[in-house]
Amino acid sequence: MALADCPLANPLIMRIARAKKNRVTKAFMKVPCRFSREDPMVRQAAFVPRFDCRLTRVARLVPRTARRRAESLRRQMIATQEELDWRCYRLYGLLPAGGDAAAYEHPAPPEVALGERAFEIVLARRMAGGSETTTWFERHGSTPTTDVPARWPDDYRQVVQRRIELIESDRNIGLIERPEYKRRWNTPSWESQEQAALRDWLLARLESSRFWPRADDSAGDDAPQLMSASRLADAAGRDAEFMQLGALYAGHADFDLNQLVAKLVASESVPFLPVLRYADSGLRKCAQSEDTWALQRREDAGEDVAHSVGKIPVPPKYQGKDFLNADWWRLRGGLDVPKERWISYPGCERGADGSLVIAWAGWDHLQQATALATYFSDMKEREGWSHERLQPLLTGLLELVPWLKQWHNDMNPDFGARMGDYYE
């Protein structure tokens, strides 16, 4: 099990994302800026803003504390797994008969680092003696240990020594206590885990309700609207926590906010039109899927579809080659299930902006249609777009009509119309 998957370790990684709420961080908010000038990069500046001061302290201490805690938990898990292994040997009757089998177990083991397990000590001794060659330690980033660590309590050192002696003398235990049959504890580097945690936090923040309305209806001041990536970046720039975590993610406080947001959004968005996201093979599969949905809607409406066309066909699954972008394949998968955070509208950028136009993918079809129709009106009336430029937006609305008629065709009190019929 990877450390990031551990229910105990994962919250520690995410502590980075809760840095501002951390008691340690709150204390650092009051620390004079002169402490931050210890950092060589900060020393170059004649004036250190309070934000940079706080960020420098957080960047140093909060991840460092979380890392130490995560490493400690990992060593505890290694020790616990060792006890489970030796308990199994005893339960299966593999330990010496007539003796105290529990002598090979310890009720409260200390932390055990990778490379310090009994079989690893035996392996390291054989390497030192030239009787065995292995890349085990190098491959797993651990240090060969030939002696039982002196920091352990005496009773645990004795338990490990007995395990070592049994591995060397008992053929069965010696066969099992080999690298091939032991947990590798092969985890991603701390740096990669930290980057992944920061990236997830930033993405979740960018799609939060503070930037995208969650209103149940599609009217009023909270009506959904399309937004450009640069406008989203402007809003994120007023979010102190986002700026703190963004600096940690980028590695420096003077990062390019627009570039960061644009990169994050592009990796987690899928274009609104099939022709923009599928290759030719994918377009054919998309057409087959739409035919299946159309037949299913007719059957749901009470029509005897089986009598007229037979059994409704199952549409084919998609493959990576069916998508024009690897990220879109990652986000959709073989069943083309939307898992993206945003819908993108390539080619629909405002002239004065130029950044990618997006919508929150969590909106229902009516909210998406409302946002798209509003943007269409703005571009037509305020920007003076030609018919050719407006056509993709109209096509996007037509793509939503079948779903609007299926889910939103009851009388809408806000608009006084059936929205599926209205948009059709």
Protein backbone atom coordinates (compact mmCIF):
# COMPACT_ATOMS: atom_id res chain seq x y z
CA MET A 1 0.00 0.00 0.00
CA ALA A 2 1.39 3.39 -0.97
CA LEU A 3 1.84 5.92 1.78
CA ALA A 4 -0.55 8.33 0.05
CA ASP A 5 -3.25 5.65 0.26
CA CYS A 6 -2.80 5.15 4.00
CA PRO A 7 -5.75 6.60 5.94
CA LEU A 8 -3.36 7.88 8.58
CA ALA A 9 -0.68 9.35 6.35
CA ASN A 10 -2.89 11.04 3.76
CA PRO A 11 -4.31 13.70 6.14
CA LEU A 12 -0.75 14.60 7.02
CA ILE A 13 0.06 15.24 3.41
CA MET A 14 -3.04 17.38 3.12
CA ARG A 15 -1.95 19.37 6.17
CA ILE A 16 -0.05 21.49 3.71
CA ALA A 17 -3.40 22.56 2.26
CA ARG A 18 -4.66 23.54 5.70
CA ALA A 19 -1.54 25.53 6.51
CA LYS A 20 -3.32 28.76 7.36
CA LYS A 21 -5.54 27.00 9.86
CA ASN A 22 -2.58 25.26 11.44
CA ARG A 23 -1.73 26.49 14.91
CA VAL A 24 1.93 26.74 13.96
CA THR A 25 1.15 28.91 10.96
CA LYS A 26 -1.05 31.25 12.97
CA ALA A 27 1.85 31.83 15.30
CA PHE A 28 4.18 32.61 12.40
CA MET A 29 1.77 35.25 11.12
CA LYS A 30 2.99 37.41 14.02
CA VAL A 31 6.72 36.73 13.53
CA PRO A 32 8.72 39.81 12.44
CA CYS A 33 9.89 39.82 8.85
CA ARG A 34 13.55 39.88 9.91
CA PHE A 35 13.35 36.13 10.52
CA SER A 36 12.43 35.51 6.90
CA ARG A 37 15.60 37.29 5.75
CA GLU A 38 17.55 34.21 6.77
CA ASP A 39 16.39 32.76 3.45
CA PRO A 40 19.00 33.58 0.74
CA MET A 41 16.33 34.32 -1.86
CA VAL A 42 14.46 36.68 0.45
CA ARG A 43 17.71 38.42 1.49
CA GLN A 44 17.98 39.79 -2.04
CA ALA A 45 14.90 41.93 -1.52
CA ALA A 46 15.19 45.27 0.24
CA PHE A 47 11.65 44.99 1.50
CA VAL A 48 9.98 41.75 2.54
CA PRO A 49 6.17 41.95 2.56
CA ARG A 50 4.32 40.29 5.37
CA PHE A 51 2.95 37.73 2.93
CA ASP A 52 6.42 36.65 1.82
CA CYS A 53 7.53 36.49 5.43
CA ARG A 54 4.65 34.23 6.38
CA LEU A 55 5.02 32.16 3.23
CA THR A 56 8.72 31.58 3.81
CA ARG A 57 8.12 30.31 7.33
CA VAL A 58 5.24 28.09 6.25
CA ALA A 59 7.19 26.70 3.30
CA ARG A 60 10.03 25.73 5.60
CA LEU A 61 8.31 24.39 8.66
CA VAL A 62 4.84 23.08 7.86
CA PRO A 63 5.87 20.66 5.07
CA ARG A 64 8.95 19.69 7.09
CA THR A 65 6.81 18.82 10.12
CA ALA A 66 4.33 16.92 7.97
CA ARG A 67 7.16 15.03 6.31
CA ARG A 68 8.67 13.97 9.63
CA ARG A 69 5.29 12.83 10.86
CA ALA A 70 4.59 10.88 7.66
CA GLU A 71 7.99 9.19 7.82
CA SER A 72 7.35 8.28 11.45
CA LEU A 73 4.01 6.71 10.53
CA ARG A 74 5.68 4.77 7.75
CA ARG A 75 8.26 3.35 10.17
CA GLN A 76 5.43 2.38 12.53
CA MET A 77 3.65 0.59 9.70
CA ILE A 78 6.83 -1.27 8.75
CA ALA A 79 7.24 -2.42 12.36
CA THR A 80 3.59 -3.49 12.57
CA GLN A 81 3.84 -5.44 9.31
CA GLU A 82 6.88 -7.27 10.67
CA GLU A 83 4.91 -8.32 13.75
CA LEU A 84 2.09 -9.55 11.53
CA ASP A 85 4.52 -11.60 9.45
CA TRP A 86 6.06 -13.31 12.46
CA ARG A 87 2.66 -13.83 14.06
CA CYS A 88 1.60 -15.69 10.90
CA TYR A 89 4.71 -17.86 11.07
CA ARG A 90 3.78 -18.84 14.61
CA LEU A 91 0.12 -19.52 13.77
CA TYR A 92 1.12 -21.74 10.85
CA GLY A 93 3.53 -23.69 13.06
CA LEU A 94 6.67 -22.60 11.26
CA LEU A 95 8.54 -21.51 14.38
CA PRO A 96 10.58 -23.97 16.50
CA ALA A 97 8.42 -26.43 18.42
CA GLY A 98 8.76 -26.76 22.18
CA GLY A 99 10.09 -23.25 22.68
CA ASP A 100 8.45 -19.96 23.42
CA ALA A 101 7.09 -19.03 20.03
CA ALA A 102 6.13 -15.58 21.30
CA ALA A 103 9.85 -14.90 21.77
CA TYR A 104 9.89 -13.89 18.11
CA GLU A 105 7.20 -11.24 18.58
CA HIS A 106 7.01 -7.95 20.44
CA PRO A 107 3.80 -6.37 21.79
CA ALA A 108 4.91 -2.76 21.23
CA PRO A 109 7.67 -2.55 18.62
CA PRO A 110 9.58 0.70 18.11
CA GLU A 111 9.79 2.39 14.74
CA VAL A 112 11.61 0.35 12.10
CA ALA A 113 13.10 2.09 9.08
CA LEU A 114 13.33 0.53 5.66
CA GLY A 115 16.55 -1.50 5.62
CA GLU A 116 16.37 -2.42 9.32
CA ARG A 117 14.11 -5.46 9.17
CA ALA A 118 15.62 -8.76 10.26
CA PHE A 119 15.84 -10.20 6.75
CA GLU A 120 17.42 -6.97 5.50
CA ILE A 121 20.10 -7.13 8.18
CA VAL A 122 20.85 -10.71 7.10
CA LEU A 123 20.90 -9.61 3.46
CA ALA A 124 23.25 -6.70 4.24
CA ARG A 125 25.64 -9.02 6.08
CA ARG A 126 25.73 -11.40 3.14
CA MET A 127 26.43 -8.49 0.80
CA ALA A 128 29.26 -7.31 3.06
CA GLY A 129 30.68 -10.84 3.13
CA GLY A 130 30.50 -11.16 -0.64
CA SER A 131 28.19 -14.18 -0.58
CA GLU A 132 25.26 -12.36 -2.18
CA THR A 133 24.73 -9.56 -4.67
CA THR A 134 21.49 -7.58 -4.74
CA THR A 135 20.12 -4.19 -5.78
CA TRP A 136 17.38 -4.33 -3.11
CA PHE A 137 18.68 -1.44 -1.03
CA GLU A 138 19.58 0.76 -3.98
CA ARG A 139 16.25 0.14 -5.70
CA HIS A 140 14.24 1.03 -2.59
CA GLY A 141 16.36 3.94 -1.43
CA SER A 142 17.39 2.33 1.86
CA THR A 143 20.76 1.93 3.57
CA PRO A 144 22.21 -1.54 4.21
CA THR A 145 22.37 -2.19 7.96
CA THR A 146 24.59 -4.99 9.26
CA ASP A 147 24.01 -4.40 12.99
CA VAL A 148 20.83 -4.38 15.02
CA PRO A 149 20.13 -0.66 15.64
CA ALA A 150 21.34 0.42 19.07
CA ARG A 151 18.50 2.94 19.48
CA TRP A 152 15.95 0.17 19.92
CA PRO A 153 15.00 -1.05 23.42
CA ASP A 154 16.98 -4.08 24.60
CA ASP A 155 13.99 -6.42 24.58
CA TYR A 156 13.16 -5.59 20.96
CA ARG A 157 16.81 -5.92 19.95
CA GLN A 158 16.78 -9.41 21.43
CA VAL A 159 13.62 -10.30 19.48
CA VAL A 160 15.20 -9.13 16.22
CA GLN A 161 18.41 -11.01 17.02
CA ARG A 162 16.44 -14.22 17.52
CA ARG A 163 14.70 -13.62 14.18
CA ILE A 164 18.06 -13.16 12.48
CA GLU A 165 19.41 -16.38 13.95
CA LEU A 166 16.30 -18.28 12.85
CA ILE A 167 16.50 -16.89 9.31
CA GLU A 168 20.10 -18.08 9.10
CA SER A 169 19.45 -21.52 10.63
CA ASP A 170 15.93 -22.54 9.57
CA ARG A 171 15.51 -23.44 5.91
CA ASN A 172 11.77 -22.69 5.75
CA ILE A 173 11.97 -19.32 7.50
CA GLY A 174 15.06 -18.46 5.48
CA LEU A 175 13.11 -19.15 2.30
CA ILE A 176 10.13 -16.99 3.33
CA GLU A 177 12.16 -14.12 4.78
CA ARG A 178 13.50 -13.14 1.39
CA PRO A 179 13.01 -9.92 -0.60
CA GLU A 180 10.73 -11.74 -3.04
CA TYR A 181 8.14 -12.38 -0.32
CA LYS A 182 8.39 -9.22 1.78
CA ARG A 183 6.50 -5.96 1.46
CA ARG A 184 8.56 -3.50 -0.53
CA TRP A 185 7.19 -0.27 0.94
CA ASN A 186 8.01 1.28 -2.40
CA THR A 187 6.35 4.70 -2.28
CA PRO A 188 6.59 7.83 -4.43
CA SER A 189 9.06 10.43 -3.27
CA TRP A 190 7.89 12.94 -0.69
CA GLU A 191 8.35 15.73 -3.22
CA SER A 192 6.00 14.08 -5.72
CA GLN A 193 3.41 13.40 -3.01
CA GLU A 194 3.64 17.00 -1.85
CA GLN A 195 3.17 18.31 -5.39
CA ALA A 196 0.20 16.01 -5.97
CA ALA A 197 -1.45 17.12 -2.71
CA LEU A 198 -0.91 20.79 -3.51
CA ARG A 199 -2.22 20.34 -7.05
CA ASP A 200 -5.38 18.60 -5.83
CA TRP A 201 -5.99 21.37 -3.30
CA LEU A 202 -5.52 24.11 -5.90
CA LEU A 203 -7.85 22.39 -8.36
CA ALA A 204 -10.53 21.87 -5.71
CA ARG A 205 -10.23 25.53 -4.72
CA LEU A 206 -10.58 26.73 -8.32
CA GLU A 207 -13.83 24.82 -8.78
CA SER A 208 -15.26 25.74 -5.36
CA SER A 209 -18.48 27.68 -4.84
CA ARG A 210 -16.57 30.90 -4.18
CA PHE A 211 -15.86 31.07 -7.92
CA TRP A 212 -18.78 29.11 -9.40
CA PRO A 213 -22.41 29.61 -8.22
CA ARG A 214 -24.20 26.57 -6.88
CA ALA A 215 -27.75 28.00 -7.12
CA ASP A 216 -30.47 25.42 -7.74
CA ASP A 217 -32.17 27.62 -10.29
CA SER A 218 -30.72 29.28 -13.34
CA ALA A 219 -32.10 32.77 -12.85
CA GLY A 220 -31.19 35.82 -10.82
CA ASP A 221 -27.84 37.19 -9.75
CA ASP A 222 -26.41 33.71 -9.19
CA ALA A 223 -27.17 32.52 -12.71
CA PRO A 224 -24.28 30.45 -14.10
CA GLN A 225 -21.91 32.27 -16.41
CA LEU A 226 -18.98 31.22 -18.53
CA MET A 227 -15.65 32.52 -17.31
CA SER A 228 -12.26 32.98 -18.91
CA ALA A 229 -9.19 31.42 -17.34
CA SER A 230 -7.65 34.85 -16.79
CA ARG A 231 -10.78 36.07 -15.00
CA LEU A 232 -10.66 32.98 -12.80
CA ALA A 233 -7.00 33.76 -12.10
CA ASP A 234 -7.93 37.32 -11.10
CA ALA A 235 -10.46 35.94 -8.61
CA ALA A 236 -7.95 33.40 -7.30
CA GLY A 237 -5.43 36.21 -6.82
CA ARG A 238 -7.73 37.72 -4.19
CA ASP A 239 -7.75 34.42 -2.29
CA ALA A 240 -4.91 34.56 0.25
CA GLU A 241 -4.92 30.83 0.88
CA PHE A 242 -4.78 30.04 -2.84
CA MET A 243 -1.81 32.37 -3.23
CA GLN A 244 0.00 30.72 -0.31
CA LEU A 245 -0.50 27.22 -1.63
CA GLY A 246 0.16 28.33 -5.20
CA ALA A 247 3.55 29.66 -4.13
CA LEU A 248 4.35 26.38 -2.41
CA TYR A 249 3.32 24.49 -5.55
CA ALA A 250 5.36 26.73 -7.85
CA GLY A 251 8.32 26.84 -5.49
CA HIS A 252 8.52 30.64 -5.27
CA ALA A 253 6.29 33.54 -4.28
CA ASP A 254 6.56 35.51 -7.54
CA PHE A 255 4.96 32.81 -9.68
CA ASP A 256 2.88 33.66 -12.76
CA LEU A 257 -0.69 33.33 -11.51
CA ASN A 258 -2.32 33.43 -14.96
CA GLN A 259 0.03 30.75 -16.25
CA LEU A 260 -0.56 28.51 -13.23
CA VAL A 261 -4.35 28.73 -13.43
CA ALA A 262 -4.35 28.25 -17.20
CA LYS A 263 -2.21 25.12 -16.88
CA LEU A 264 -4.33 23.65 -14.09
CA VAL A 265 -7.59 24.35 -15.91
CA ALA A 266 -6.35 22.99 -19.24
CA SER A 267 -5.37 19.67 -17.66
CA GLU A 268 -8.79 19.16 -16.07
CA SER A 269 -11.17 20.39 -18.77
CA VAL A 270 -12.77 18.80 -21.85
CA PRO A 271 -14.11 20.68 -24.92
CA PHE A 272 -17.86 21.13 -25.22
CA LEU A 273 -18.24 19.84 -28.80
CA PRO A 274 -17.59 16.24 -29.90
CA VAL A 275 -15.71 17.40 -32.99
CA LEU A 276 -13.21 19.16 -30.73
CA ARG A 277 -12.50 16.20 -28.47
CA TYR A 278 -12.77 13.07 -30.65
CA ALA A 279 -10.73 11.70 -33.51
CA ASP A 280 -12.62 10.28 -36.49
CA SER A 281 -12.97 6.89 -34.80
CA GLY A 282 -14.26 8.59 -31.68
CA LEU A 283 -16.82 10.60 -33.64
CA ARG A 284 -18.22 7.38 -35.10
CA LYS A 285 -18.53 5.88 -31.63
CA CYS A 286 -20.11 9.10 -30.36
CA ALA A 287 -22.76 8.91 -33.10
CA GLN A 288 -23.50 5.31 -32.14
CA SER A 289 -23.85 6.32 -28.50
CA GLU A 290 -26.25 9.13 -29.40
CA ASP A 291 -28.37 6.69 -31.42
CA THR A 292 -28.51 4.37 -28.42
CA TRP A 293 -29.59 7.19 -26.12
CA ALA A 294 -32.27 8.28 -28.60
CA LEU A 295 -33.71 4.76 -28.69
CA GLN A 296 -33.56 4.55 -24.91
CA ARG A 297 -35.49 7.82 -24.58
CA ARG A 298 -38.18 6.51 -26.92
CA GLU A 299 -38.46 3.34 -24.85
CA ASP A 300 -38.62 5.37 -21.62
CA ALA A 301 -41.48 7.37 -23.16
CA GLY A 302 -43.49 4.16 -23.56
CA GLU A 303 -42.78 3.30 -27.19
CA ASP A 304 -42.32 -0.37 -28.06
CA VAL A 305 -38.83 0.08 -29.45
CA ALA A 306 -38.02 -3.63 -29.27
CA HIS A 307 -40.87 -4.39 -31.67
CA SER A 308 -39.79 -1.80 -34.23
CA VAL A 309 -35.98 -1.93 -34.12
CA GLY A 310 -35.19 -4.92 -31.94
CA LYS A 311 -32.91 -4.91 -28.92
CA ILE A 312 -31.26 -1.57 -28.21
CA PRO A 313 -27.57 -1.97 -29.13
CA VAL A 314 -24.84 -1.38 -26.57
CA PRO A 315 -22.51 1.37 -27.84
CA PRO A 316 -18.83 0.49 -28.26
CA LYS A 317 -16.27 1.46 -25.66
CA TYR A 318 -13.79 4.21 -26.36
CA GLN A 319 -10.03 3.83 -26.54
CA GLY A 320 -7.23 6.31 -26.10
CA LYS A 321 -6.84 6.71 -29.87
CA ASP A 322 -10.46 7.90 -30.11
CA PHE A 323 -9.60 11.15 -28.29
CA LEU A 324 -7.56 14.05 -29.63
CA ASN A 325 -5.87 14.63 -26.29
CA ALA A 326 -4.48 12.19 -23.71
CA ASP A 327 -5.90 14.25 -20.84
CA TRP A 328 -9.41 13.95 -22.29
CA TRP A 329 -9.03 10.18 -22.49
CA ARG A 330 -7.81 10.16 -18.88
CA LEU A 331 -10.82 12.20 -17.78
CA ARG A 332 -13.46 10.29 -19.79
CA GLY A 333 -12.26 6.68 -20.02
CA GLY A 334 -13.71 3.82 -22.03
CA LEU A 335 -17.34 4.65 -21.21
CA ASP A 336 -16.92 8.37 -21.94
CA VAL A 337 -18.16 9.28 -18.46
CA PRO A 338 -17.47 12.97 -17.70
CA LYS A 339 -15.04 13.28 -14.80
CA GLU A 340 -13.57 16.63 -15.75
CA ARG A 341 -13.80 19.67 -13.47
CA TRP A 342 -14.52 22.15 -16.25
CA ILE A 343 -16.02 22.32 -19.73
CA SER A 344 -13.85 24.28 -22.15
CA TYR A 345 -14.96 26.36 -25.14
CA PRO A 346 -11.96 26.57 -27.49
CA GLY A 347 -12.25 29.22 -30.18
CA CYS A 348 -14.83 31.18 -28.17
CA GLU A 349 -12.41 33.54 -26.43
CA ARG A 350 -13.13 37.24 -26.08
CA GLY A 351 -10.96 39.45 -28.23
CA ALA A 352 -9.71 41.54 -25.32
CA ASP A 353 -9.01 38.51 -23.16
CA GLY A 354 -7.80 35.65 -25.29
CA SER A 355 -7.65 33.06 -22.51
CA LEU A 356 -9.61 29.81 -22.57
CA VAL A 357 -13.33 30.14 -21.80
CA ILE A 358 -14.63 27.55 -19.33
CA ALA A 359 -17.69 26.49 -17.34
CA TRP A 360 -17.91 24.45 -14.17
CA ALA A 361 -18.67 20.84 -15.13
CA GLY A 362 -20.76 20.34 -11.99
CA TRP A 363 -23.66 22.35 -13.40
CA ASP A 364 -26.64 20.42 -14.72
CA HIS A 365 -27.61 20.66 -18.38
CA LEU A 366 -29.99 23.57 -17.81
CA GLN A 367 -27.35 25.58 -15.98
CA GLN A 368 -24.86 24.85 -18.74
CA ALA A 369 -27.39 25.96 -21.35
CA THR A 370 -28.18 29.13 -19.41
CA ALA A 371 -24.51 30.07 -19.15
CA LEU A 372 -23.90 29.30 -22.83
CA ALA A 373 -26.98 31.25 -23.98
CA THR A 374 -25.95 34.25 -21.88
CA TYR A 375 -22.46 34.18 -23.36
CA PHE A 376 -23.94 33.86 -26.86
CA SER A 377 -26.04 37.00 -26.32
CA ASP A 378 -23.07 38.93 -24.95
CA MET A 379 -20.84 38.01 -27.86
CA LYS A 380 -23.55 38.85 -30.39
CA GLU A 381 -24.65 42.17 -28.91
CA ARG A 382 -21.55 43.52 -27.17
CA GLU A 383 -18.69 41.97 -29.13
CA GLY A 384 -20.43 41.98 -32.52
CA TRP A 385 -19.42 38.44 -33.40
CA SER A 386 -20.24 37.23 -36.89
CA HIS A 387 -22.54 34.31 -37.63
CA GLU A 388 -19.53 32.09 -38.25
CA ARG A 389 -18.07 32.83 -34.82
CA LEU A 390 -21.41 32.34 -33.09
CA GLN A 391 -22.13 29.04 -34.80
CA PRO A 392 -20.08 26.85 -32.39
CA LEU A 393 -22.00 28.32 -29.45
CA LEU A 394 -25.31 27.46 -31.14
CA THR A 395 -24.02 23.97 -31.85
CA GLY A 396 -23.16 23.62 -28.19
CA LEU A 397 -26.73 24.53 -27.25
CA LEU A 398 -28.08 21.96 -29.71
CA GLU A 399 -25.90 19.31 -28.06
CA LEU A 400 -27.68 20.04 -24.77
CA VAL A 401 -31.25 20.00 -26.13
CA PRO A 402 -31.86 16.21 -25.84
CA TRP A 403 -30.83 16.32 -22.20
CA LEU A 404 -32.89 19.43 -21.53
CA LYS A 405 -35.97 17.73 -22.97
CA GLN A 406 -35.26 14.64 -20.88
CA TRP A 407 -34.56 16.27 -17.51
CA HIS A 408 -35.79 19.88 -17.64
CA ASN A 409 -38.93 19.96 -19.77
CA ASP A 410 -41.40 20.56 -16.97
CA MET A 411 -42.81 24.06 -16.77
CA ASN A 412 -40.09 26.30 -15.33
CA PRO A 413 -41.65 28.96 -13.06
CA ASP A 414 -38.71 31.34 -13.48
CA PHE A 415 -38.93 31.41 -17.27
CA GLY A 416 -42.58 30.43 -17.76
CA ALA A 417 -41.62 27.84 -20.34
CA ARG A 418 -40.51 24.26 -20.80
CA MET A 419 -36.79 24.72 -21.17
CA GLY A 420 -36.22 21.78 -23.48
CA ASP A 421 -38.85 23.07 -25.88
CA TYR A 422 -37.59 26.64 -25.46
CA TYR A 423 -34.01 25.88 -26.47
CA GLU A 424 -35.13 23.56 -29.25
